[in-house]
Amino acid sequence: MRCESPIPVPENCRGTSSSEFRRWLLRIRSAIQSCFQRFLNDTGFVTNVLLNRVPHEFGMSPLRTVVVICCSTLALHSSLQAAPQESPDFDHQVAPLLAQKCLICHSGVERKGGLDLSSRESAMAGGESGAVIVPGDLKGSLLWDHVSSDQMPPKKPLSPAEKATIERWLANGAKWGTEKIDPFRFTTESRAGVDWWSLQPLQTCVPPKIDGADWIRNPVDAFVVEKLKEAGFAPSQPADKRTLIRRVSFDLLGLPPTPQQIDQFLADTSDQAYEHLVDRMFDSPHYGER
């Protein structure tokens, strides 16, 4: 079986620039990966490439060809992976992650394992198992060992992106920001934090402009219709007055409307008929009863 994508070899390696040589090595690695994929289905293809086609292109023995290609691929892979990665911003990336995923167990008086991750001093002191953070040393950091193996957090391990943040932070010296992390500064899956939407300062919101929305009767309706359209829905048809009074009566009083209440609502043809109905329900002694 012939090689479908032969790799052109630079005629004069000494005159080849480093960028060109790097691109050439990248093509070699890509070809080798393709060969290994083909190997799963056709071992004869790989044998033909390594023992016949590549030696012919390079003018080397098959064994030397295999050794050179493997060493070049490993060296290129190492150089690509060795590029330094910047340390994440502690206060904006690491601290929220620790507060949301770790401090619920590892802070305060009843911290598990004696480990408190809310401040640099307590975090570096470690817990019952000794030091858990060794700045710049991933293998020596027990924290990374537990995070990377999904042991911590126990119920819901970190996502790949969250693990990458912890990994870069530890590998770059575990630099700290604000001395003590406030666990209530950030919202978690089990409780609200200071950043919870309902705790934010009030802002003036301009109702969205909705074209051809006859359903809108007040500014709040505009926001409702906008969200309905975003979800691909449309407002329901208006309920008739008999249906409407039953809904309001059951919601506010927990009782069906009386015939007299129905007749009174049907007889009220003013624009405030619904408002009058709700006000009467609020004034009823049955409102709020259990």
C-alpha atoms as a PDB file:
ATOM      1  CA  MET A   1       0.000   0.000   0.000  1.00  0.00           C
ATOM      2  CA  ARG A   2       1.396   3.396  -1.018  1.00  0.00           C
ATOM      3  CA  CYS A   3       1.697   6.444   1.205  1.00  0.00           C
ATOM      4  CA  GLU A   4      -1.024   8.829   0.078  1.00  0.00           C
ATOM      5  CA  SER A   5       0.636  12.004   1.420  1.00  0.00           C
ATOM      6  CA  PRO A   6       4.457  11.811   1.027  1.00  0.00           C
ATOM      7  CA  ILE A   7       6.360  14.382   3.094  1.00  0.00           C
ATOM      8  CA  PRO A   8       8.685  16.629   1.061  1.00  0.00           C
ATOM      9  CA  VAL A   9      12.102  16.668   2.711  1.00  0.00           C
ATOM     10  CA  PRO A  10      14.086  19.944   2.700  1.00  0.00           C
ATOM     11  CA  GLU A  11      16.936  19.502   0.225  1.00  0.00           C
ATOM     12  CA  ASN A  12      19.378  21.494   2.341  1.00  0.00           C
ATOM     13  CA  CYS A  13      18.660  21.297   6.072  1.00  0.00           C
ATOM     14  CA  ARG A  14      21.477  23.692   6.916  1.00  0.00           C
ATOM     15  CA  GLY A  15      19.898  26.376   4.793  1.00  0.00           C
ATOM     16  CA  THR A  16      16.423  25.837   6.206  1.00  0.00           C
ATOM     17  CA  SER A  17      15.093  28.421   8.637  1.00  0.00           C
ATOM     18  CA  SER A  18      13.940  27.355  12.108  1.00  0.00           C
ATOM     19  CA  SER A  19      10.311  28.187  11.302  1.00  0.00           C
ATOM     20  CA  GLU A  20      10.402  26.118   8.103  1.00  0.00           C
ATOM     21  CA  PHE A  21      12.069  23.228   9.919  1.00  0.00           C
ATOM     22  CA  ARG A  22       9.464  23.455  12.682  1.00  0.00           C
ATOM     23  CA  ARG A  23       6.644  23.300  10.139  1.00  0.00           C
ATOM     24  CA  TRP A  24       8.335  20.302   8.559  1.00  0.00           C
ATOM     25  CA  LEU A  25       8.502  18.515  11.914  1.00  0.00           C
ATOM     26  CA  LEU A  26       4.845  19.326  12.497  1.00  0.00           C
ATOM     27  CA  ARG A  27       3.988  17.648   9.211  1.00  0.00           C
ATOM     28  CA  ILE A  28       6.036  14.624  10.243  1.00  0.00           C
ATOM     29  CA  ARG A  29       4.148  14.376  13.532  1.00  0.00           C
ATOM     30  CA  SER A  30       0.831  14.688  11.722  1.00  0.00           C
ATOM     31  CA  ALA A  31       1.850  11.944   9.314  1.00  0.00           C
ATOM     32  CA  ILE A  32       2.911   9.665  12.168  1.00  0.00           C
ATOM     33  CA  GLN A  33      -0.392  10.216  13.977  1.00  0.00           C
ATOM     34  CA  SER A  34      -2.202   9.335  10.762  1.00  0.00           C
ATOM     35  CA  CYS A  35      -0.069   6.203  10.416  1.00  0.00           C
ATOM     36  CA  PHE A  36      -0.929   5.063  13.924  1.00  0.00           C
ATOM     37  CA  GLN A  37      -4.604   5.603  13.198  1.00  0.00           C
ATOM     38  CA  ARG A  38      -4.295   3.534  10.037  1.00  0.00           C
ATOM     39  CA  PHE A  39      -2.352   0.949  12.016  1.00  0.00           C
ATOM     40  CA  LEU A  40      -5.525  -0.017  13.853  1.00  0.00           C
ATOM     41  CA  ASN A  41      -6.979  -1.253  10.559  1.00  0.00           C
ATOM     42  CA  ASP A  42      -3.940  -2.052   8.391  1.00  0.00           C
ATOM     43  CA  THR A  43      -0.564  -2.981   9.877  1.00  0.00           C
ATOM     44  CA  GLY A  44       0.824  -3.535   6.376  1.00  0.00           C
ATOM     45  CA  PHE A  45       0.388   0.177   5.594  1.00  0.00           C
ATOM     46  CA  VAL A  46       2.596   1.273   8.517  1.00  0.00           C
ATOM     47  CA  THR A  47       5.205  -1.393   7.718  1.00  0.00           C
ATOM     48  CA  ASN A  48       5.373  -0.205   4.122  1.00  0.00           C
ATOM     49  CA  VAL A  49       5.739   3.452   5.157  1.00  0.00           C
ATOM     50  CA  LEU A  50       8.381   2.926   7.849  1.00  0.00           C
ATOM     51  CA  LEU A  51      10.428   0.254   6.065  1.00  0.00           C
ATOM     52  CA  ASN A  52      10.149   1.411   2.459  1.00  0.00           C
ATOM     53  CA  ARG A  53       8.729   4.847   1.723  1.00  0.00           C
ATOM     54  CA  VAL A  54      10.332   6.928   4.499  1.00  0.00           C
ATOM     55  CA  PRO A  55      13.825   5.353   4.198  1.00  0.00           C
ATOM     56  CA  HIS A  56      13.688   6.024   0.452  1.00  0.00           C
ATOM     57  CA  GLU A  57      12.793   9.703   1.029  1.00  0.00           C
ATOM     58  CA  PHE A  58      15.444  10.245   3.740  1.00  0.00           C
ATOM     59  CA  GLY A  59      18.171   7.990   2.405  1.00  0.00           C
ATOM     60  CA  MET A  60      18.529   6.229   5.763  1.00  0.00           C
ATOM     61  CA  SER A  61      18.163   2.703   7.046  1.00  0.00           C
ATOM     62  CA  PRO A  62      14.682   1.692   8.298  1.00  0.00           C
ATOM     63  CA  LEU A  63      15.856   1.393  11.931  1.00  0.00           C
ATOM     64  CA  ARG A  64      17.583   4.768  11.883  1.00  0.00           C
ATOM     65  CA  THR A  65      14.526   6.313  10.248  1.00  0.00           C
ATOM     66  CA  VAL A  66      12.242   5.061  13.027  1.00  0.00           C
ATOM     67  CA  VAL A  67      14.613   6.336  15.737  1.00  0.00           C
ATOM     68  CA  VAL A  68      15.025   9.780  14.141  1.00  0.00           C
ATOM     69  CA  ILE A  69      11.294  10.266  13.573  1.00  0.00           C
ATOM     70  CA  CYS A  70      10.358   9.201  17.103  1.00  0.00           C
ATOM     71  CA  CYS A  71      13.013  11.419  18.711  1.00  0.00           C
ATOM     72  CA  SER A  72      12.044  14.395  16.554  1.00  0.00           C
ATOM     73  CA  THR A  73       8.367  13.957  17.367  1.00  0.00           C
ATOM     74  CA  LEU A  74       9.003  13.691  21.107  1.00  0.00           C
ATOM     75  CA  ALA A  75      11.309  16.725  21.073  1.00  0.00           C
ATOM     76  CA  LEU A  76       8.754  18.787  19.151  1.00  0.00           C
ATOM     77  CA  HIS A  77       5.939  17.697  21.466  1.00  0.00           C
ATOM     78  CA  SER A  78       8.009  18.701  24.497  1.00  0.00           C
ATOM     79  CA  SER A  79       8.862  22.087  23.007  1.00  0.00           C
ATOM     80  CA  LEU A  80       5.212  22.778  22.221  1.00  0.00           C
ATOM     81  CA  GLN A  81       4.097  21.790  25.715  1.00  0.00           C
ATOM     82  CA  ALA A  82       6.905  23.667  27.469  1.00  0.00           C
ATOM     83  CA  ALA A  83       5.602  27.098  26.539  1.00  0.00           C
ATOM     84  CA  PRO A  84       5.152  29.019  29.810  1.00  0.00           C
ATOM     85  CA  GLN A  85       1.594  29.777  30.887  1.00  0.00           C
ATOM     86  CA  GLU A  86       0.774  32.881  32.846  1.00  0.00           C
ATOM     87  CA  SER A  87      -0.481  32.540  36.383  1.00  0.00           C
ATOM     88  CA  PRO A  88      -4.227  33.212  36.690  1.00  0.00           C
ATOM     89  CA  ASP A  89      -5.403  36.302  38.527  1.00  0.00           C
ATOM     90  CA  PHE A  90      -5.970  35.172  42.095  1.00  0.00           C
ATOM     91  CA  ASP A  91      -8.750  37.543  43.138  1.00  0.00           C
ATOM     92  CA  HIS A  92     -10.771  37.123  39.929  1.00  0.00           C
ATOM     93  CA  GLN A  93     -10.110  33.488  38.997  1.00  0.00           C
ATOM     94  CA  VAL A  94      -8.646  31.462  41.856  1.00  0.00           C
ATOM     95  CA  ALA A  95     -10.399  33.035  44.865  1.00  0.00           C
ATOM     96  CA  PRO A  96     -13.934  32.597  43.409  1.00  0.00           C
ATOM     97  CA  LEU A  97     -13.096  28.970  42.628  1.00  0.00           C
ATOM     98  CA  LEU A  98     -11.842  28.276  46.145  1.00  0.00           C
ATOM     99  CA  ALA A  99     -14.819  30.071  47.699  1.00  0.00           C
ATOM    100  CA  GLN A 100     -17.400  28.241  45.592  1.00  0.00           C
ATOM    101  CA  LYS A 101     -15.852  24.762  45.616  1.00  0.00           C
ATOM    102  CA  CYS A 102     -13.598  24.457  48.668  1.00  0.00           C
ATOM    103  CA  LEU A 103     -14.336  26.853  51.512  1.00  0.00           C
ATOM    104  CA  ILE A 104     -17.700  25.290  52.363  1.00  0.00           C
ATOM    105  CA  CYS A 105     -15.676  22.462  53.928  1.00  0.00           C
ATOM    106  CA  HIS A 106     -12.223  23.957  54.401  1.00  0.00           C
ATOM    107  CA  SER A 107     -12.777  27.147  56.390  1.00  0.00           C
ATOM    108  CA  GLY A 108     -14.188  28.255  59.709  1.00  0.00           C
ATOM    109  CA  VAL A 109     -14.072  26.453  63.032  1.00  0.00           C
ATOM    110  CA  GLU A 110     -15.264  23.035  61.822  1.00  0.00           C
ATOM    111  CA  ARG A 111     -12.950  22.771  58.818  1.00  0.00           C
ATOM    112  CA  LYS A 112     -12.518  19.249  57.499  1.00  0.00           C
ATOM    113  CA  GLY A 113      -9.118  17.639  57.836  1.00  0.00           C
ATOM    114  CA  GLY A 114      -7.927  20.666  59.741  1.00  0.00           C
ATOM    115  CA  LEU A 115      -7.384  22.473  56.443  1.00  0.00           C
ATOM    116  CA  ASP A 116      -8.343  26.126  56.054  1.00  0.00           C
ATOM    117  CA  LEU A 117      -7.989  27.562  52.532  1.00  0.00           C
ATOM    118  CA  SER A 118      -9.461  30.977  53.298  1.00  0.00           C
ATOM    119  CA  SER A 119      -6.084  32.711  53.811  1.00  0.00           C
ATOM    120  CA  ARG A 120      -2.524  32.250  52.579  1.00  0.00           C
ATOM    121  CA  GLU A 121      -1.140  31.611  56.063  1.00  0.00           C
ATOM    122  CA  SER A 122      -3.631  28.880  56.925  1.00  0.00           C
ATOM    123  CA  ALA A 123      -3.480  27.351  53.429  1.00  0.00           C
ATOM    124  CA  MET A 124       0.309  27.072  53.510  1.00  0.00           C
ATOM    125  CA  ALA A 125       0.149  25.644  57.022  1.00  0.00           C
ATOM    126  CA  GLY A 126      -1.787  22.665  55.665  1.00  0.00           C
ATOM    127  CA  GLY A 127      -3.946  20.326  57.695  1.00  0.00           C
ATOM    128  CA  GLU A 128      -3.910  16.929  59.339  1.00  0.00           C
ATOM    129  CA  SER A 129      -2.149  15.428  56.300  1.00  0.00           C
ATOM    130  CA  GLY A 130       0.591  18.053  56.354  1.00  0.00           C
ATOM    131  CA  ALA A 131       1.332  20.724  53.766  1.00  0.00           C
ATOM    132  CA  VAL A 132      -1.041  20.645  50.791  1.00  0.00           C
ATOM    133  CA  ILE A 133       0.463  23.490  48.737  1.00  0.00           C
ATOM    134  CA  VAL A 134       4.086  23.538  47.581  1.00  0.00           C
ATOM    135  CA  PRO A 135       4.441  26.667  45.424  1.00  0.00           C
ATOM    136  CA  GLY A 136       5.796  25.809  41.981  1.00  0.00           C
ATOM    137  CA  ASP A 137       5.682  22.047  42.586  1.00  0.00           C
ATOM    138  CA  LEU A 138       2.586  20.268  41.280  1.00  0.00           C
ATOM    139  CA  LYS A 139       3.777  16.777  42.197  1.00  0.00           C
ATOM    140  CA  GLY A 140       4.580  17.883  45.724  1.00  0.00           C
ATOM    141  CA  SER A 141       1.232  19.642  46.217  1.00  0.00           C
ATOM    142  CA  LEU A 142      -1.318  17.379  47.872  1.00  0.00           C
ATOM    143  CA  LEU A 143      -4.023  19.846  46.832  1.00  0.00           C
ATOM    144  CA  TRP A 144      -3.326  19.180  43.151  1.00  0.00           C
ATOM    145  CA  ASP A 145      -3.154  15.433  43.765  1.00  0.00           C
ATOM    146  CA  HIS A 146      -6.682  15.459  45.203  1.00  0.00           C
ATOM    147  CA  VAL A 147      -8.086  17.882  42.620  1.00  0.00           C
ATOM    148  CA  SER A 148      -6.587  16.182  39.550  1.00  0.00           C
ATOM    149  CA  SER A 149      -7.754  12.733  40.711  1.00  0.00           C
ATOM    150  CA  ASP A 150     -11.315  14.018  41.334  1.00  0.00           C
ATOM    151  CA  GLN A 151     -11.109  13.223  45.049  1.00  0.00           C
ATOM    152  CA  MET A 152     -11.909  16.837  45.858  1.00  0.00           C
ATOM    153  CA  PRO A 153     -14.482  18.210  45.792  1.00  0.00           C
ATOM    154  CA  PRO A 154     -15.952  14.787  46.542  1.00  0.00           C
ATOM    155  CA  LYS A 155     -19.523  15.179  45.253  1.00  0.00           C
ATOM    156  CA  LYS A 156     -18.859  17.227  42.123  1.00  0.00           C
ATOM    157  CA  PRO A 157     -15.251  17.307  40.839  1.00  0.00           C
ATOM    158  CA  LEU A 158     -13.897  20.380  39.115  1.00  0.00           C
ATOM    159  CA  SER A 159     -14.343  20.833  35.386  1.00  0.00           C
ATOM    160  CA  PRO A 160     -11.287  20.604  33.085  1.00  0.00           C
ATOM    161  CA  ALA A 161     -11.179  24.413  32.844  1.00  0.00           C
ATOM    162  CA  GLU A 162     -11.321  24.782  36.636  1.00  0.00           C
ATOM    163  CA  LYS A 163      -8.583  22.184  37.077  1.00  0.00           C
ATOM    164  CA  ALA A 164      -6.435  24.070  34.566  1.00  0.00           C
ATOM    165  CA  THR A 165      -6.832  27.235  36.630  1.00  0.00           C
ATOM    166  CA  ILE A 166      -5.672  25.498  39.826  1.00  0.00           C
ATOM    167  CA  GLU A 167      -2.840  23.795  37.949  1.00  0.00           C
ATOM    168  CA  ARG A 168      -1.491  27.065  36.498  1.00  0.00           C
ATOM    169  CA  TRP A 169      -1.844  28.792  39.858  1.00  0.00           C
ATOM    170  CA  LEU A 170       0.154  26.140  41.711  1.00  0.00           C
ATOM    171  CA  ALA A 171       2.755  25.743  38.957  1.00  0.00           C
ATOM    172  CA  ASN A 172       3.409  29.485  38.905  1.00  0.00           C
ATOM    173  CA  GLY A 173       4.090  29.787  42.619  1.00  0.00           C
ATOM    174  CA  ALA A 174       0.584  29.817  44.161  1.00  0.00           C
ATOM    175  CA  LYS A 175       0.622  33.592  44.436  1.00  0.00           C
ATOM    176  CA  TRP A 176      -2.033  34.997  46.755  1.00  0.00           C
ATOM    177  CA  GLY A 177      -4.095  38.146  46.327  1.00  0.00           C
ATOM    178  CA  THR A 178      -6.412  39.612  48.944  1.00  0.00           C
ATOM    179  CA  GLU A 179      -5.173  38.118  52.210  1.00  0.00           C
ATOM    180  CA  LYS A 180      -8.411  36.500  53.378  1.00  0.00           C
ATOM    181  CA  ILE A 181     -11.106  35.113  51.075  1.00  0.00           C
ATOM    182  CA  ASP A 182     -14.629  36.029  52.144  1.00  0.00           C
ATOM    183  CA  PRO A 183     -16.661  32.813  51.584  1.00  0.00           C
ATOM    184  CA  PHE A 184     -19.853  34.845  51.301  1.00  0.00           C
ATOM    185  CA  ARG A 185     -18.469  37.088  48.574  1.00  0.00           C
ATOM    186  CA  PHE A 186     -19.354  34.551  45.902  1.00  0.00           C
ATOM    187  CA  THR A 187     -22.516  32.561  45.213  1.00  0.00           C
ATOM    188  CA  THR A 188     -22.284  28.760  45.444  1.00  0.00           C
ATOM    189  CA  GLU A 189     -24.608  25.986  44.349  1.00  0.00           C
ATOM    190  CA  SER A 190     -26.075  25.743  47.850  1.00  0.00           C
ATOM    191  CA  ARG A 191     -26.365  29.395  48.937  1.00  0.00           C
ATOM    192  CA  ALA A 192     -26.385  32.963  47.700  1.00  0.00           C
ATOM    193  CA  GLY A 193     -23.399  35.243  48.061  1.00  0.00           C
ATOM    194  CA  VAL A 194     -22.877  38.981  47.948  1.00  0.00           C
ATOM    195  CA  ASP A 195     -22.823  38.741  44.150  1.00  0.00           C
ATOM    196  CA  TRP A 196     -26.364  37.235  44.051  1.00  0.00           C
ATOM    197  CA  TRP A 197     -28.602  39.093  41.604  1.00  0.00           C
ATOM    198  CA  SER A 198     -31.214  40.131  44.179  1.00  0.00           C
ATOM    199  CA  LEU A 199     -28.540  41.745  46.371  1.00  0.00           C
ATOM    200  CA  GLN A 200     -27.233  44.038  43.632  1.00  0.00           C
ATOM    201  CA  PRO A 201     -28.019  47.790  43.657  1.00  0.00           C
ATOM    202  CA  LEU A 202     -31.208  48.772  41.872  1.00  0.00           C
ATOM    203  CA  GLN A 203     -30.786  50.028  38.334  1.00  0.00           C
ATOM    204  CA  THR A 204     -33.075  51.871  35.978  1.00  0.00           C
ATOM    205  CA  CYS A 205     -34.197  49.436  33.305  1.00  0.00           C
ATOM    206  CA  VAL A 206     -35.662  50.653  30.027  1.00  0.00           C
ATOM    207  CA  PRO A 207     -38.423  48.313  28.782  1.00  0.00           C
ATOM    208  CA  PRO A 208     -37.510  46.675  25.473  1.00  0.00           C
ATOM    209  CA  LYS A 209     -39.304  47.776  22.336  1.00  0.00           C
ATOM    210  CA  ILE A 210     -41.462  44.959  21.007  1.00  0.00           C
ATOM    211  CA  ASP A 211     -42.949  45.333  17.523  1.00  0.00           C
ATOM    212  CA  GLY A 212     -46.592  44.446  17.086  1.00  0.00           C
ATOM    213  CA  ALA A 213     -47.112  43.273  20.658  1.00  0.00           C
ATOM    214  CA  ASP A 214     -50.789  43.918  21.375  1.00  0.00           C
ATOM    215  CA  TRP A 215     -50.479  41.758  24.484  1.00  0.00           C
ATOM    216  CA  ILE A 216     -48.391  44.407  26.282  1.00  0.00           C
ATOM    217  CA  ARG A 217     -50.435  46.501  28.728  1.00  0.00           C
ATOM    218  CA  ASN A 218     -47.677  47.727  31.087  1.00  0.00           C
ATOM    219  CA  PRO A 219     -43.851  47.982  31.095  1.00  0.00           C
ATOM    220  CA  VAL A 220     -43.435  44.632  32.873  1.00  0.00           C
ATOM    221  CA  ASP A 221     -45.270  42.864  30.037  1.00  0.00           C
ATOM    222  CA  ALA A 222     -42.570  44.051  27.610  1.00  0.00           C
ATOM    223  CA  PHE A 223     -39.878  42.138  29.509  1.00  0.00           C
ATOM    224  CA  VAL A 224     -42.088  39.027  29.646  1.00  0.00           C
ATOM    225  CA  VAL A 225     -42.782  39.109  25.908  1.00  0.00           C
ATOM    226  CA  GLU A 226     -39.094  39.613  25.136  1.00  0.00           C
ATOM    227  CA  LYS A 227     -38.135  36.459  27.075  1.00  0.00           C
ATOM    228  CA  LEU A 228     -40.973  34.506  25.483  1.00  0.00           C
ATOM    229  CA  LYS A 229     -39.727  35.436  22.011  1.00  0.00           C
ATOM    230  CA  GLU A 230     -36.144  34.514  22.917  1.00  0.00           C
ATOM    231  CA  ALA A 231     -37.396  31.049  23.905  1.00  0.00           C
ATOM    232  CA  GLY A 232     -39.480  30.748  20.747  1.00  0.00           C
ATOM    233  CA  PHE A 233     -42.831  31.071  22.497  1.00  0.00           C
ATOM    234  CA  ALA A 234     -45.792  33.400  22.137  1.00  0.00           C
ATOM    235  CA  PRO A 235     -48.203  34.695  24.798  1.00  0.00           C
ATOM    236  CA  SER A 236     -51.294  32.593  25.438  1.00  0.00           C
ATOM    237  CA  GLN A 237     -54.681  33.813  24.340  1.00  0.00           C
ATOM    238  CA  PRO A 238     -56.457  36.013  26.934  1.00  0.00           C
ATOM    239  CA  ALA A 239     -58.659  34.033  29.303  1.00  0.00           C
ATOM    240  CA  ASP A 240     -62.373  34.756  29.385  1.00  0.00           C
ATOM    241  CA  LYS A 241     -63.747  36.443  32.514  1.00  0.00           C
ATOM    242  CA  ARG A 242     -65.246  33.282  34.020  1.00  0.00           C
ATOM    243  CA  THR A 243     -61.888  31.482  33.740  1.00  0.00           C
ATOM    244  CA  LEU A 244     -60.033  34.510  35.050  1.00  0.00           C
ATOM    245  CA  ILE A 245     -62.093  34.874  38.216  1.00  0.00           C
ATOM    246  CA  ARG A 246     -61.722  31.165  39.007  1.00  0.00           C
ATOM    247  CA  ARG A 247     -57.941  31.423  38.690  1.00  0.00           C
ATOM    248  CA  VAL A 248     -57.725  34.503  40.902  1.00  0.00           C
ATOM    249  CA  SER A 249     -60.092  33.093  43.506  1.00  0.00           C
ATOM    250  CA  PHE A 250     -58.230  29.795  43.847  1.00  0.00           C
ATOM    251  CA  ASP A 251     -54.849  31.560  43.904  1.00  0.00           C
ATOM    252  CA  LEU A 252     -55.751  34.146  46.550  1.00  0.00           C
ATOM    253  CA  LEU A 253     -58.480  32.476  48.603  1.00  0.00           C
ATOM    254  CA  GLY A 254     -58.091  28.789  47.873  1.00  0.00           C
ATOM    255  CA  LEU A 255     -61.850  28.678  47.187  1.00  0.00           C
ATOM    256  CA  PRO A 256     -63.981  28.785  44.043  1.00  0.00           C
ATOM    257  CA  PRO A 257     -65.799  32.083  43.398  1.00  0.00           C
ATOM    258  CA  THR A 258     -69.401  32.334  44.518  1.00  0.00           C
ATOM    259  CA  PRO A 259     -72.175  32.917  41.940  1.00  0.00           C
ATOM    260  CA  GLN A 260     -72.614  36.439  43.294  1.00  0.00           C
ATOM    261  CA  GLN A 261     -68.882  37.191  42.807  1.00  0.00           C
ATOM    262  CA  ILE A 262     -69.028  35.865  39.253  1.00  0.00           C
ATOM    263  CA  ASP A 263     -72.070  37.976  38.385  1.00  0.00           C
ATOM    264  CA  GLN A 264     -70.451  41.078  39.891  1.00  0.00           C
ATOM    265  CA  PHE A 265     -67.264  40.569  37.850  1.00  0.00           C
ATOM    266  CA  LEU A 266     -69.159  39.889  34.619  1.00  0.00           C
ATOM    267  CA  ALA A 267     -71.282  42.994  35.132  1.00  0.00           C
ATOM    268  CA  ASP A 268     -68.233  45.233  35.553  1.00  0.00           C
ATOM    269  CA  THR A 269     -67.324  46.321  31.998  1.00  0.00           C
ATOM    270  CA  SER A 270     -64.812  48.992  33.009  1.00  0.00           C
ATOM    271  CA  ASP A 271     -61.066  48.792  32.244  1.00  0.00           C
ATOM    272  CA  GLN A 272     -60.431  48.412  35.971  1.00  0.00           C
ATOM    273  CA  ALA A 273     -62.710  45.376  36.375  1.00  0.00           C
ATOM    274  CA  TYR A 274     -59.797  43.020  37.008  1.00  0.00           C
ATOM    275  CA  GLU A 275     -58.143  45.412  39.470  1.00  0.00           C
ATOM    276  CA  HIS A 276     -61.419  45.762  41.357  1.00  0.00           C
ATOM    277  CA  LEU A 277     -61.737  41.977  41.497  1.00  0.00           C
ATOM    278  CA  VAL A 278     -58.224  41.534  42.934  1.00  0.00           C
ATOM    279  CA  ASP A 279     -58.834  44.298  45.499  1.00  0.00           C
ATOM    280  CA  ARG A 280     -62.007  42.551  46.684  1.00  0.00           C
ATOM    281  CA  MET A 281     -60.095  39.296  47.045  1.00  0.00           C
ATOM    282  CA  PHE A 282     -57.418  41.024  49.131  1.00  0.00           C
ATOM    283  CA  ASP A 283     -60.093  42.547  51.347  1.00  0.00           C
ATOM    284  CA  SER A 284     -61.749  39.155  51.912  1.00  0.00           C
ATOM    285  CA  PRO A 285     -61.269  37.640  55.405  1.00  0.00           C
ATOM    286  CA  HIS A 286     -60.420  34.372  53.627  1.00  0.00           C
ATOM    287  CA  TYR A 287     -57.297  35.859  52.052  1.00  0.00           C
ATOM    288  CA  GLY A 288     -54.176  34.357  53.630  1.00  0.00           C
ATOM    289  CA  GLU A 289     -56.065  31.625  55.505  1.00  0.00           C
ATOM    290  CA  ARG A 290     -54.604  28.133  55.759  1.00  0.00           C
END
